[in-house]
Amino acid sequence: MSALRHDRQDGFARRRAHEKATVALRGPLTDVMLVFDRRLPADSDRVEVLGDAELLDLWLERAAFG
């Protein structure tokens, strides 16, 4: 089960579903969180980007954590 986030004109919608996403980041939770915190590059061999890597880069540029 995954949490999927969809862009909409009026904001974002989030839902839980089991389906293929446009992009996914796979790896140990600690390493995934390090990518989200920009302390580990998304192209590190410790994580795997599945799908549209450019979309992940765009999302990381615009998202804020913490």
PDB file of N, CA and C in Angstrom:
ATOM      1  N   MET A   1       0.854  -1.162   0.000  1.00  0.00           N
ATOM      2  CA  MET A   1       0.000   0.000   0.000  1.00  0.00           C
ATOM      3  C   MET A   1       0.903   1.229   0.000  1.00  0.00           C
ATOM      4  N   SER A   2       0.544   2.210  -0.782  1.00  0.00           N
ATOM      5  CA  SER A   2       1.327   3.429  -0.896  1.00  0.00           C
ATOM      6  C   SER A   2       0.447   4.642  -0.673  1.00  0.00           C
ATOM      7  N   ALA A   3       1.073   5.727  -0.248  1.00  0.00           N
ATOM      8  CA  ALA A   3       0.380   7.005  -0.180  1.00  0.00           C
ATOM      9  C   ALA A   3       0.702   7.741  -1.470  1.00  0.00           C
ATOM     10  N   LEU A   4      -0.312   8.054  -2.242  1.00  0.00           N
ATOM     11  CA  LEU A   4      -0.127   8.729  -3.522  1.00  0.00           C
ATOM     12  C   LEU A   4      -0.587  10.164  -3.404  1.00  0.00           C
ATOM     13  N   ARG A   5       0.157  11.064  -4.032  1.00  0.00           N
ATOM     14  CA  ARG A   5      -0.187  12.478  -3.998  1.00  0.00           C
ATOM     15  C   ARG A   5      -0.385  12.952  -5.425  1.00  0.00           C
ATOM     16  N   HIS A   6      -1.498  13.595  -5.680  1.00  0.00           N
ATOM     17  CA  HIS A   6      -1.852  14.049  -7.019  1.00  0.00           C
ATOM     18  C   HIS A   6      -1.970  15.565  -7.036  1.00  0.00           C
ATOM     19  N   ASP A   7      -1.346  16.206  -8.042  1.00  0.00           N
ATOM     20  CA  ASP A   7      -1.510  17.643  -8.223  1.00  0.00           C
ATOM     21  C   ASP A   7      -2.879  17.910  -8.834  1.00  0.00           C
ATOM     22  N   ARG A   8      -3.557  18.905  -8.286  1.00  0.00           N
ATOM     23  CA  ARG A   8      -4.840  19.338  -8.830  1.00  0.00           C
ATOM     24  C   ARG A   8      -4.815  20.852  -8.908  1.00  0.00           C
ATOM     25  N   GLN A   9      -5.720  21.427  -9.666  1.00  0.00           N
ATOM     26  CA  GLN A   9      -5.767  22.882  -9.798  1.00  0.00           C
ATOM     27  C   GLN A   9      -6.044  23.560  -8.467  1.00  0.00           C
ATOM     28  N   ASP A  10      -6.818  22.922  -7.609  1.00  0.00           N
ATOM     29  CA  ASP A  10      -7.172  23.528  -6.326  1.00  0.00           C
ATOM     30  C   ASP A  10      -6.250  23.074  -5.193  1.00  0.00           C
ATOM     31  N   GLY A  11      -5.124  22.450  -5.523  1.00  0.00           N
ATOM     32  CA  GLY A  11      -4.171  22.012  -4.511  1.00  0.00           C
ATOM     33  C   GLY A  11      -3.745  20.576  -4.754  1.00  0.00           C
ATOM     34  N   PHE A  12      -3.577  19.837  -3.676  1.00  0.00           N
ATOM     35  CA  PHE A  12      -3.138  18.458  -3.770  1.00  0.00           C
ATOM     36  C   PHE A  12      -4.188  17.533  -3.173  1.00  0.00           C
ATOM     37  N   ALA A  13      -4.238  16.341  -3.691  1.00  0.00           N
ATOM     38  CA  ALA A  13      -5.088  15.296  -3.129  1.00  0.00           C
ATOM     39  C   ALA A  13      -4.194  14.123  -2.759  1.00  0.00           C
ATOM     40  N   ARG A  14      -4.467  13.508  -1.629  1.00  0.00           N
ATOM     41  CA  ARG A  14      -3.684  12.369  -1.174  1.00  0.00           C
ATOM     42  C   ARG A  14      -4.627  11.211  -0.927  1.00  0.00           C
ATOM     43  N   ARG A  15      -4.205  10.035  -1.358  1.00  0.00           N
ATOM     44  CA  ARG A  15      -5.012   8.853  -1.111  1.00  0.00           C
ATOM     45  C   ARG A  15      -4.113   7.641  -1.004  1.00  0.00           C
ATOM     46  N   ARG A  16      -4.607   6.636  -0.320  1.00  0.00           N
ATOM     47  CA  ARG A  16      -3.872   5.381  -0.198  1.00  0.00           C
ATOM     48  C   ARG A  16      -4.392   4.424  -1.260  1.00  0.00           C
ATOM     49  N   ALA A  17      -3.469   3.821  -1.994  1.00  0.00           N
ATOM     50  CA  ALA A  17      -3.862   2.901  -3.054  1.00  0.00           C
ATOM     51  C   ALA A  17      -2.695   1.987  -3.379  1.00  0.00           C
ATOM     52  N   HIS A  18      -2.991   0.958  -4.122  1.00  0.00           N
ATOM     53  CA  HIS A  18      -1.947   0.062  -4.600  1.00  0.00           C
ATOM     54  C   HIS A  18      -1.942   0.161  -6.117  1.00  0.00           C
ATOM     55  N   GLU A  19      -1.067   1.016  -6.621  1.00  0.00           N
ATOM     56  CA  GLU A  19      -0.939   1.194  -8.062  1.00  0.00           C
ATOM     57  C   GLU A  19       0.426   1.794  -8.352  1.00  0.00           C
ATOM     58  N   LYS A  20       0.798   1.786  -9.601  1.00  0.00           N
ATOM     59  CA  LYS A  20       2.098   2.290 -10.016  1.00  0.00           C
ATOM     60  C   LYS A  20       2.100   3.822  -9.963  1.00  0.00           C
ATOM     61  N   ALA A  21       3.124   4.369  -9.335  1.00  0.00           N
ATOM     62  CA  ALA A  21       3.272   5.821  -9.244  1.00  0.00           C
ATOM     63  C   ALA A  21       4.149   6.318 -10.386  1.00  0.00           C
ATOM     64  N   THR A  22       4.118   7.621 -10.641  1.00  0.00           N
ATOM     65  CA  THR A  22       4.969   8.219 -11.658  1.00  0.00           C
ATOM     66  C   THR A  22       6.426   8.109 -11.259  1.00  0.00           C
ATOM     67  N   VAL A  23       6.701   8.269  -9.963  1.00  0.00           N
ATOM     68  CA  VAL A  23       8.068   8.119  -9.455  1.00  0.00           C
ATOM     69  C   VAL A  23       7.998   7.547  -8.044  1.00  0.00           C
ATOM     70  N   ALA A  24       8.980   6.739  -7.716  1.00  0.00           N
ATOM     71  CA  ALA A  24       9.084   6.172  -6.376  1.00  0.00           C
ATOM     72  C   ALA A  24      10.555   6.147  -5.975  1.00  0.00           C
ATOM     73  N   LEU A  25      10.789   6.270  -4.691  1.00  0.00           N
ATOM     74  CA  LEU A  25      12.141   6.202  -4.138  1.00  0.00           C
ATOM     75  C   LEU A  25      12.166   5.004  -3.210  1.00  0.00           C
ATOM     76  N   ARG A  26      13.056   4.049  -3.478  1.00  0.00           N
ATOM     77  CA  ARG A  26      13.097   2.816  -2.702  1.00  0.00           C
ATOM     78  C   ARG A  26      14.461   2.662  -2.043  1.00  0.00           C
ATOM     79  N   GLY A  27      14.433   2.266  -0.790  1.00  0.00           N
ATOM     80  CA  GLY A  27      15.652   2.015  -0.040  1.00  0.00           C
ATOM     81  C   GLY A  27      15.335   1.933   1.435  1.00  0.00           C
ATOM     82  N   PRO A  28      16.359   1.736   2.261  1.00  0.00           N
ATOM     83  CA  PRO A  28      16.132   1.746   3.704  1.00  0.00           C
ATOM     84  C   PRO A  28      15.540   3.096   4.133  1.00  0.00           C
ATOM     85  N   LEU A  29      14.636   3.060   5.103  1.00  0.00           N
ATOM     86  CA  LEU A  29      13.944   4.278   5.528  1.00  0.00           C
ATOM     87  C   LEU A  29      14.919   5.402   5.870  1.00  0.00           C
ATOM     88  N   THR A  30      15.993   5.083   6.556  1.00  0.00           N
ATOM     89  CA  THR A  30      16.972   6.112   6.926  1.00  0.00           C
ATOM     90  C   THR A  30      17.530   6.803   5.689  1.00  0.00           C
ATOM     91  N   ASP A  31      17.863   6.038   4.662  1.00  0.00           N
ATOM     92  CA  ASP A  31      18.425   6.630   3.445  1.00  0.00           C
ATOM     93  C   ASP A  31      17.382   7.434   2.677  1.00  0.00           C
ATOM     94  N   VAL A  32      16.141   6.944   2.633  1.00  0.00           N
ATOM     95  CA  VAL A  32      15.067   7.702   1.970  1.00  0.00           C
ATOM     96  C   VAL A  32      14.885   9.044   2.674  1.00  0.00           C
ATOM     97  N   MET A  33      14.885   9.038   4.001  1.00  0.00           N
ATOM     98  CA  MET A  33      14.737  10.294   4.742  1.00  0.00           C
ATOM     99  C   MET A  33      15.938  11.216   4.517  1.00  0.00           C
ATOM    100  N   LEU A  34      17.129  10.655   4.372  1.00  0.00           N
ATOM    101  CA  LEU A  34      18.307  11.483   4.078  1.00  0.00           C
ATOM    102  C   LEU A  34      18.169  12.150   2.708  1.00  0.00           C
ATOM    103  N   VAL A  35      17.584  11.460   1.748  1.00  0.00           N
ATOM    104  CA  VAL A  35      17.329  12.081   0.444  1.00  0.00           C
ATOM    105  C   VAL A  35      16.328  13.216   0.605  1.00  0.00           C
ATOM    106  N   PHE A  36      15.245  12.978   1.355  1.00  0.00           N
ATOM    107  CA  PHE A  36      14.242  14.025   1.572  1.00  0.00           C
ATOM    108  C   PHE A  36      14.849  15.242   2.261  1.00  0.00           C
ATOM    109  N   ASP A  37      15.795  15.027   3.156  1.00  0.00           N
ATOM    110  CA  ASP A  37      16.465  16.121   3.870  1.00  0.00           C
ATOM    111  C   ASP A  37      17.637  16.707   3.088  1.00  0.00           C
ATOM    112  N   ARG A  38      17.852  16.196   1.866  1.00  0.00           N
ATOM    113  CA  ARG A  38      18.934  16.649   0.974  1.00  0.00           C
ATOM    114  C   ARG A  38      20.323  16.398   1.556  1.00  0.00           C
ATOM    115  N   ARG A  39      20.442  15.373   2.385  1.00  0.00           N
ATOM    116  CA  ARG A  39      21.740  14.998   2.948  1.00  0.00           C
ATOM    117  C   ARG A  39      22.335  13.813   2.212  1.00  0.00           C
ATOM    118  N   LEU A  40      21.566  13.231   1.280  1.00  0.00           N
ATOM    119  CA  LEU A  40      22.013  12.136   0.431  1.00  0.00           C
ATOM    120  C   LEU A  40      21.421  12.388  -0.953  1.00  0.00           C
ATOM    121  N   PRO A  41      22.240  12.378  -2.000  1.00  0.00           N
ATOM    122  CA  PRO A  41      21.684  12.629  -3.336  1.00  0.00           C
ATOM    123  C   PRO A  41      20.776  11.488  -3.796  1.00  0.00           C
ATOM    124  N   ALA A  42      19.759  11.836  -4.557  1.00  0.00           N
ATOM    125  CA  ALA A  42      18.809  10.845  -5.040  1.00  0.00           C
ATOM    126  C   ALA A  42      19.466   9.832  -5.972  1.00  0.00           C
ATOM    127  N   ASP A  43      20.606  10.187  -6.560  1.00  0.00           N
ATOM    128  CA  ASP A  43      21.298   9.244  -7.440  1.00  0.00           C
ATOM    129  C   ASP A  43      22.332   8.397  -6.698  1.00  0.00           C
ATOM    130  N   SER A  44      22.281   8.400  -5.371  1.00  0.00           N
ATOM    131  CA  SER A  44      23.167   7.572  -4.557  1.00  0.00           C
ATOM    132  C   SER A  44      22.892   6.094  -4.816  1.00  0.00           C
ATOM    133  N   ASP A  45      23.896   5.267  -4.667  1.00  0.00           N
ATOM    134  CA  ASP A  45      23.690   3.828  -4.836  1.00  0.00           C
ATOM    135  C   ASP A  45      22.994   3.199  -3.623  1.00  0.00           C
ATOM    136  N   ARG A  46      22.686   4.009  -2.604  1.00  0.00           N
ATOM    137  CA  ARG A  46      21.994   3.512  -1.401  1.00  0.00           C
ATOM    138  C   ARG A  46      20.473   3.545  -1.549  1.00  0.00           C
ATOM    139  N   VAL A  47      19.976   4.242  -2.579  1.00  0.00           N
ATOM    140  CA  VAL A  47      18.541   4.277  -2.860  1.00  0.00           C
ATOM    141  C   VAL A  47      18.338   4.029  -4.349  1.00  0.00           C
ATOM    142  N   GLU A  48      17.105   3.698  -4.709  1.00  0.00           N
ATOM    143  CA  GLU A  48      16.773   3.441  -6.106  1.00  0.00           C
ATOM    144  C   GLU A  48      15.590   4.316  -6.503  1.00  0.00           C
ATOM    145  N   VAL A  49      15.746   5.065  -7.593  1.00  0.00           N
ATOM    146  CA  VAL A  49      14.658   5.875  -8.136  1.00  0.00           C
ATOM    147  C   VAL A  49      13.989   5.053  -9.224  1.00  0.00           C
ATOM    148  N   LEU A  50      12.697   4.837  -9.068  1.00  0.00           N
ATOM    149  CA  LEU A  50      11.909   4.097 -10.054  1.00  0.00           C
ATOM    150  C   LEU A  50      10.977   5.079 -10.743  1.00  0.00           C
ATOM    151  N   GLY A  51      11.068   5.176 -12.048  1.00  0.00           N
ATOM    152  CA  GLY A  51      10.184   6.073 -12.781  1.00  0.00           C
ATOM    153  C   GLY A  51      10.873   7.378 -13.148  1.00  0.00           C
ATOM    154  N   ASP A  52      10.130   8.446 -13.086  1.00  0.00           N
ATOM    155  CA  ASP A  52      10.536   9.767 -13.574  1.00  0.00           C
ATOM    156  C   ASP A  52      11.448  10.480 -12.575  1.00  0.00           C
ATOM    157  N   ALA A  53      12.757  10.341 -12.747  1.00  0.00           N
ATOM    158  CA  ALA A  53      13.732  10.949 -11.831  1.00  0.00           C
ATOM    159  C   ALA A  53      13.658  12.476 -11.863  1.00  0.00           C
ATOM    160  N   GLU A  54      13.330  13.048 -13.013  1.00  0.00           N
ATOM    161  CA  GLU A  54      13.205  14.507 -13.098  1.00  0.00           C
ATOM    162  C   GLU A  54      12.057  15.018 -12.228  1.00  0.00           C
ATOM    163  N   LEU A  55      10.975  14.269 -12.161  1.00  0.00           N
ATOM    164  CA  LEU A  55       9.857  14.652 -11.299  1.00  0.00           C
ATOM    165  C   LEU A  55      10.276  14.603  -9.832  1.00  0.00           C
ATOM    166  N   LEU A  56      11.036  13.595  -9.442  1.00  0.00           N
ATOM    167  CA  LEU A  56      11.539  13.519  -8.068  1.00  0.00           C
ATOM    168  C   LEU A  56      12.407  14.733  -7.762  1.00  0.00           C
ATOM    169  N   ASP A  57      13.302  15.090  -8.684  1.00  0.00           N
ATOM    170  CA  ASP A  57      14.162  16.262  -8.480  1.00  0.00           C
ATOM    171  C   ASP A  57      13.333  17.531  -8.310  1.00  0.00           C
ATOM    172  N   LEU A  58      12.313  17.711  -9.146  1.00  0.00           N
ATOM    173  CA  LEU A  58      11.434  18.872  -9.051  1.00  0.00           C
ATOM    174  C   LEU A  58      10.719  18.893  -7.707  1.00  0.00           C
ATOM    175  N   TRP A  59      10.214  17.742  -7.289  1.00  0.00           N
ATOM    176  CA  TRP A  59       9.502  17.647  -6.017  1.00  0.00           C
ATOM    177  C   TRP A  59      10.433  17.974  -4.857  1.00  0.00           C
ATOM    178  N   LEU A  60      11.671  17.461  -4.904  1.00  0.00           N
ATOM    179  CA  LEU A  60      12.618  17.737  -3.838  1.00  0.00           C
ATOM    180  C   LEU A  60      12.995  19.219  -3.770  1.00  0.00           C
ATOM    181  N   GLU A  61      13.053  19.878  -4.937  1.00  0.00           N
ATOM    182  CA  GLU A  61      13.347  21.315  -4.963  1.00  0.00           C
ATOM    183  C   GLU A  61      12.245  22.117  -4.292  1.00  0.00           C
ATOM    184  N   ARG A  62      11.002  21.686  -4.425  1.00  0.00           N
ATOM    185  CA  ARG A  62       9.860  22.474  -3.968  1.00  0.00           C
ATOM    186  C   ARG A  62       9.312  22.061  -2.608  1.00  0.00           C
ATOM    187  N   ALA A  63       9.652  20.865  -2.150  1.00  0.00           N
ATOM    188  CA  ALA A  63       9.112  20.369  -0.892  1.00  0.00           C
ATOM    189  C   ALA A  63      10.008  20.793   0.273  1.00  0.00           C
ATOM    190  N   ALA A  64       9.383  21.031   1.410  1.00  0.00           N
ATOM    191  CA  ALA A  64      10.126  21.391   2.619  1.00  0.00           C
ATOM    192  C   ALA A  64       9.766  20.420   3.732  1.00  0.00           C
ATOM    193  N   PHE A  65      10.763  19.946   4.413  1.00  0.00           N
ATOM    194  CA  PHE A  65      10.558  19.035   5.542  1.00  0.00           C
ATOM    195  C   PHE A  65      11.198  19.654   6.762  1.00  0.00           C
ATOM    196  N   GLY A  66      10.561  19.448   7.893  1.00  0.00           N
ATOM    197  CA  GLY A  66      11.168  19.900   9.147  1.00  0.00           C
ATOM    198  C   GLY A  66      10.646  21.132   9.715  1.00  0.00           C
TER     199      GLY A  66
END
